[in-house]
Amino acid sequence: MEDAHCPCLQKLIIRHCKELKQVPIGIDNLNHLNELFLCDMPEKFVAQLRKKVGELRHLLHRISYIRSYQGQSMEDLS
């Protein structure tokens, strides 16, 4: 995801990617992305976001609104 491909993307929803270990390459280049919704994602992936530090969090530092949904429960990861 390079900025030239999605220059105005403001919201991204990633759902049911049970094998996902990292965020999509280039997500840190999406300068207008301010909402990320993760639905039914692997616990290990979500746990990395809970840490608030590390490479994964660094890639998402511009995103002000991050939510994880597992079934009926929602967790704020912002």
N, C-alpha and C. Protein backbone atom coordinates (compact mmCIF):
# COMPACT_ATOMS: atom_id res chain seq x y z
N MET A 1 0.84 -1.18 0.00
CA MET A 1 0.00 0.00 0.00
C MET A 1 0.88 1.24 0.00
N GLU A 2 1.14 1.72 -1.12
CA GLU A 2 1.91 2.95 -1.19
C GLU A 2 0.95 4.11 -1.24
N ASP A 3 1.41 5.25 -0.80
CA ASP A 3 0.57 6.44 -0.73
C ASP A 3 -0.06 6.76 -2.08
N ALA A 4 0.64 6.51 -3.16
CA ALA A 4 0.13 6.81 -4.49
C ALA A 4 -1.08 5.95 -4.86
N HIS A 5 -1.19 4.78 -4.26
CA HIS A 5 -2.30 3.88 -4.59
C HIS A 5 -3.58 4.20 -3.83
N CYS A 6 -3.47 4.70 -2.65
CA CYS A 6 -4.65 5.00 -1.82
C CYS A 6 -4.44 6.33 -1.09
N PRO A 7 -4.24 7.41 -1.81
CA PRO A 7 -3.84 8.65 -1.14
C PRO A 7 -4.89 9.23 -0.19
N CYS A 8 -6.15 8.91 -0.39
CA CYS A 8 -7.20 9.50 0.45
C CYS A 8 -7.85 8.51 1.40
N LEU A 9 -7.31 7.31 1.50
CA LEU A 9 -7.91 6.29 2.36
C LEU A 9 -7.91 6.76 3.80
N GLN A 10 -9.09 6.80 4.41
CA GLN A 10 -9.23 7.27 5.78
C GLN A 10 -9.60 6.16 6.75
N LYS A 11 -10.24 5.11 6.25
CA LYS A 11 -10.69 4.01 7.11
C LYS A 11 -10.33 2.69 6.44
N LEU A 12 -9.80 1.76 7.25
CA LEU A 12 -9.45 0.44 6.74
C LEU A 12 -10.03 -0.61 7.67
N ILE A 13 -10.71 -1.58 7.10
CA ILE A 13 -11.28 -2.69 7.86
C ILE A 13 -10.60 -3.97 7.38
N ILE A 14 -10.02 -4.70 8.31
CA ILE A 14 -9.39 -5.98 8.00
C ILE A 14 -10.17 -7.04 8.78
N ARG A 15 -10.69 -8.03 8.05
CA ARG A 15 -11.56 -9.03 8.67
C ARG A 15 -11.10 -10.45 8.37
N HIS A 16 -11.20 -11.28 9.39
CA HIS A 16 -11.04 -12.73 9.26
C HIS A 16 -9.73 -13.16 8.60
N CYS A 17 -8.65 -12.49 8.89
CA CYS A 17 -7.33 -12.88 8.35
C CYS A 17 -6.61 -13.68 9.42
N LYS A 18 -6.97 -14.92 9.55
CA LYS A 18 -6.49 -15.77 10.65
C LYS A 18 -4.99 -16.03 10.62
N GLU A 19 -4.35 -15.85 9.49
CA GLU A 19 -2.90 -16.08 9.38
C GLU A 19 -2.09 -14.79 9.42
N LEU A 20 -2.74 -13.66 9.59
CA LEU A 20 -2.04 -12.37 9.56
C LEU A 20 -1.09 -12.24 10.75
N LYS A 21 0.15 -11.90 10.45
CA LYS A 21 1.16 -11.73 11.50
C LYS A 21 1.66 -10.30 11.56
N GLN A 22 1.52 -9.57 10.46
CA GLN A 22 1.97 -8.18 10.37
C GLN A 22 0.90 -7.36 9.66
N VAL A 23 0.97 -6.06 9.83
CA VAL A 23 0.06 -5.18 9.09
C VAL A 23 0.51 -5.17 7.63
N PRO A 24 -0.38 -4.81 6.73
CA PRO A 24 -0.01 -4.77 5.31
C PRO A 24 1.19 -3.83 5.07
N ILE A 25 2.08 -4.26 4.21
CA ILE A 25 3.26 -3.46 3.87
C ILE A 25 2.81 -2.13 3.29
N GLY A 26 3.39 -1.07 3.78
CA GLY A 26 3.08 0.27 3.29
C GLY A 26 1.97 0.97 4.03
N ILE A 27 1.39 0.34 5.05
CA ILE A 27 0.30 0.99 5.78
C ILE A 27 0.78 2.29 6.43
N ASP A 28 2.05 2.34 6.75
CA ASP A 28 2.61 3.56 7.36
C ASP A 28 2.73 4.70 6.35
N ASN A 29 2.54 4.41 5.07
CA ASN A 29 2.57 5.46 4.04
C ASN A 29 1.19 6.06 3.77
N LEU A 30 0.17 5.54 4.41
CA LEU A 30 -1.19 6.04 4.20
C LEU A 30 -1.42 7.21 5.15
N ASN A 31 -1.03 8.38 4.71
CA ASN A 31 -1.02 9.56 5.57
C ASN A 31 -2.39 10.01 6.05
N HIS A 32 -3.45 9.65 5.35
CA HIS A 32 -4.79 10.08 5.75
C HIS A 32 -5.55 9.01 6.52
N LEU A 33 -4.95 7.84 6.66
CA LEU A 33 -5.61 6.76 7.39
C LEU A 33 -5.69 7.11 8.87
N ASN A 34 -6.92 7.22 9.38
CA ASN A 34 -7.07 7.55 10.80
C ASN A 34 -7.97 6.58 11.55
N GLU A 35 -8.53 5.59 10.86
CA GLU A 35 -9.35 4.57 11.51
C GLU A 35 -8.96 3.19 11.01
N LEU A 36 -8.70 2.29 11.94
CA LEU A 36 -8.38 0.91 11.60
C LEU A 36 -9.26 0.00 12.44
N PHE A 37 -10.02 -0.85 11.76
CA PHE A 37 -10.90 -1.80 12.43
C PHE A 37 -10.41 -3.21 12.11
N LEU A 38 -10.20 -3.99 13.15
CA LEU A 38 -9.73 -5.36 13.01
C LEU A 38 -10.83 -6.28 13.53
N CYS A 39 -11.33 -7.16 12.69
CA CYS A 39 -12.45 -8.02 13.07
C CYS A 39 -12.04 -9.48 13.02
N ASP A 40 -12.20 -10.16 14.15
CA ASP A 40 -11.90 -11.59 14.26
C ASP A 40 -10.50 -11.91 13.76
N MET A 41 -9.54 -11.23 14.34
CA MET A 41 -8.14 -11.40 13.98
C MET A 41 -7.45 -12.32 14.98
N PRO A 42 -6.28 -12.88 14.62
CA PRO A 42 -5.56 -13.76 15.54
C PRO A 42 -5.19 -13.05 16.84
N GLU A 43 -5.33 -13.73 17.93
CA GLU A 43 -5.02 -13.15 19.24
C GLU A 43 -3.57 -12.69 19.32
N LYS A 44 -2.67 -13.43 18.73
CA LYS A 44 -1.26 -13.06 18.77
C LYS A 44 -1.03 -11.71 18.08
N PHE A 45 -1.72 -11.48 16.99
CA PHE A 45 -1.62 -10.21 16.27
C PHE A 45 -2.17 -9.06 17.13
N VAL A 46 -3.33 -9.25 17.70
CA VAL A 46 -3.96 -8.23 18.54
C VAL A 46 -3.10 -7.95 19.77
N ALA A 47 -2.50 -8.98 20.33
CA ALA A 47 -1.65 -8.82 21.52
C ALA A 47 -0.47 -7.89 21.23
N GLN A 48 0.06 -7.95 20.01
CA GLN A 48 1.16 -7.04 19.65
C GLN A 48 0.71 -5.59 19.70
N LEU A 49 -0.53 -5.34 19.35
CA LEU A 49 -1.06 -3.97 19.37
C LEU A 49 -1.32 -3.48 20.79
N ARG A 50 -1.60 -4.39 21.69
CA ARG A 50 -1.83 -4.00 23.08
C ARG A 50 -0.57 -3.47 23.75
N LYS A 51 0.58 -3.86 23.26
CA LYS A 51 1.85 -3.50 23.89
C LYS A 51 2.15 -2.01 23.84
N LYS A 52 1.60 -1.30 22.88
CA LYS A 52 1.80 0.15 22.72
C LYS A 52 3.22 0.53 22.32
N VAL A 53 4.11 -0.45 22.20
CA VAL A 53 5.47 -0.21 21.72
C VAL A 53 5.83 -1.34 20.76
N GLY A 54 6.91 -1.17 20.06
CA GLY A 54 7.37 -2.20 19.13
C GLY A 54 7.14 -1.81 17.69
N GLU A 55 7.63 -2.66 16.80
CA GLU A 55 7.59 -2.35 15.37
C GLU A 55 6.16 -2.20 14.85
N LEU A 56 5.28 -3.09 15.27
CA LEU A 56 3.90 -3.02 14.79
C LEU A 56 3.24 -1.71 15.20
N ARG A 57 3.40 -1.33 16.45
CA ARG A 57 2.82 -0.06 16.92
C ARG A 57 3.45 1.13 16.21
N HIS A 58 4.74 1.03 15.93
CA HIS A 58 5.42 2.13 15.24
C HIS A 58 4.82 2.34 13.85
N LEU A 59 4.48 1.27 13.16
CA LEU A 59 3.89 1.38 11.83
C LEU A 59 2.50 2.01 11.86
N LEU A 60 1.83 1.92 13.00
CA LEU A 60 0.46 2.42 13.11
C LEU A 60 0.37 3.71 13.92
N HIS A 61 1.49 4.35 14.18
CA HIS A 61 1.50 5.50 15.09
C HIS A 61 0.64 6.67 14.62
N ARG A 62 0.40 6.80 13.33
CA ARG A 62 -0.41 7.91 12.82
C ARG A 62 -1.91 7.68 12.96
N ILE A 63 -2.30 6.44 13.17
CA ILE A 63 -3.73 6.10 13.20
C ILE A 63 -4.28 6.39 14.59
N SER A 64 -5.25 7.27 14.65
CA SER A 64 -5.75 7.71 15.95
C SER A 64 -6.85 6.81 16.52
N TYR A 65 -7.48 6.00 15.71
CA TYR A 65 -8.63 5.21 16.15
C TYR A 65 -8.43 3.76 15.69
N ILE A 66 -8.06 2.89 16.62
CA ILE A 66 -7.84 1.47 16.31
C ILE A 66 -8.76 0.64 17.20
N ARG A 67 -9.57 -0.20 16.58
CA ARG A 67 -10.51 -1.05 17.32
C ARG A 67 -10.35 -2.49 16.87
N SER A 68 -10.46 -3.39 17.83
CA SER A 68 -10.44 -4.82 17.55
C SER A 68 -11.78 -5.41 17.99
N TYR A 69 -12.38 -6.17 17.12
CA TYR A 69 -13.65 -6.83 17.40
C TYR A 69 -13.44 -8.34 17.35
N GLN A 70 -13.79 -9.00 18.44
CA GLN A 70 -13.74 -10.47 18.51
C GLN A 70 -15.14 -10.93 18.90
N GLY A 71 -15.86 -11.47 17.95
CA GLY A 71 -17.24 -11.86 18.23
C GLY A 71 -18.05 -10.63 18.58
N GLN A 72 -18.65 -10.63 19.76
CA GLN A 72 -19.48 -9.51 20.20
C GLN A 72 -18.72 -8.46 21.02
N SER A 73 -17.45 -8.73 21.32
CA SER A 73 -16.71 -7.79 22.16
C SER A 73 -15.82 -6.87 21.32
N MET A 74 -15.65 -5.65 21.82
CA MET A 74 -14.84 -4.64 21.16
C MET A 74 -13.76 -4.18 22.12
N GLU A 75 -12.56 -3.97 21.60
CA GLU A 75 -11.45 -3.48 22.41
C GLU A 75 -10.82 -2.28 21.72
N ASP A 76 -10.64 -1.22 22.48
CA ASP A 76 -9.99 -0.01 21.97
C ASP A 76 -8.48 -0.21 22.07
N LEU A 77 -7.80 -0.17 20.93
CA LEU A 77 -6.35 -0.34 20.90
C LEU A 77 -5.64 0.96 20.53
N SER A 78 -6.36 2.05 20.55
CA SER A 78 -5.78 3.34 20.18
C SER A 78 -4.72 3.78 21.17
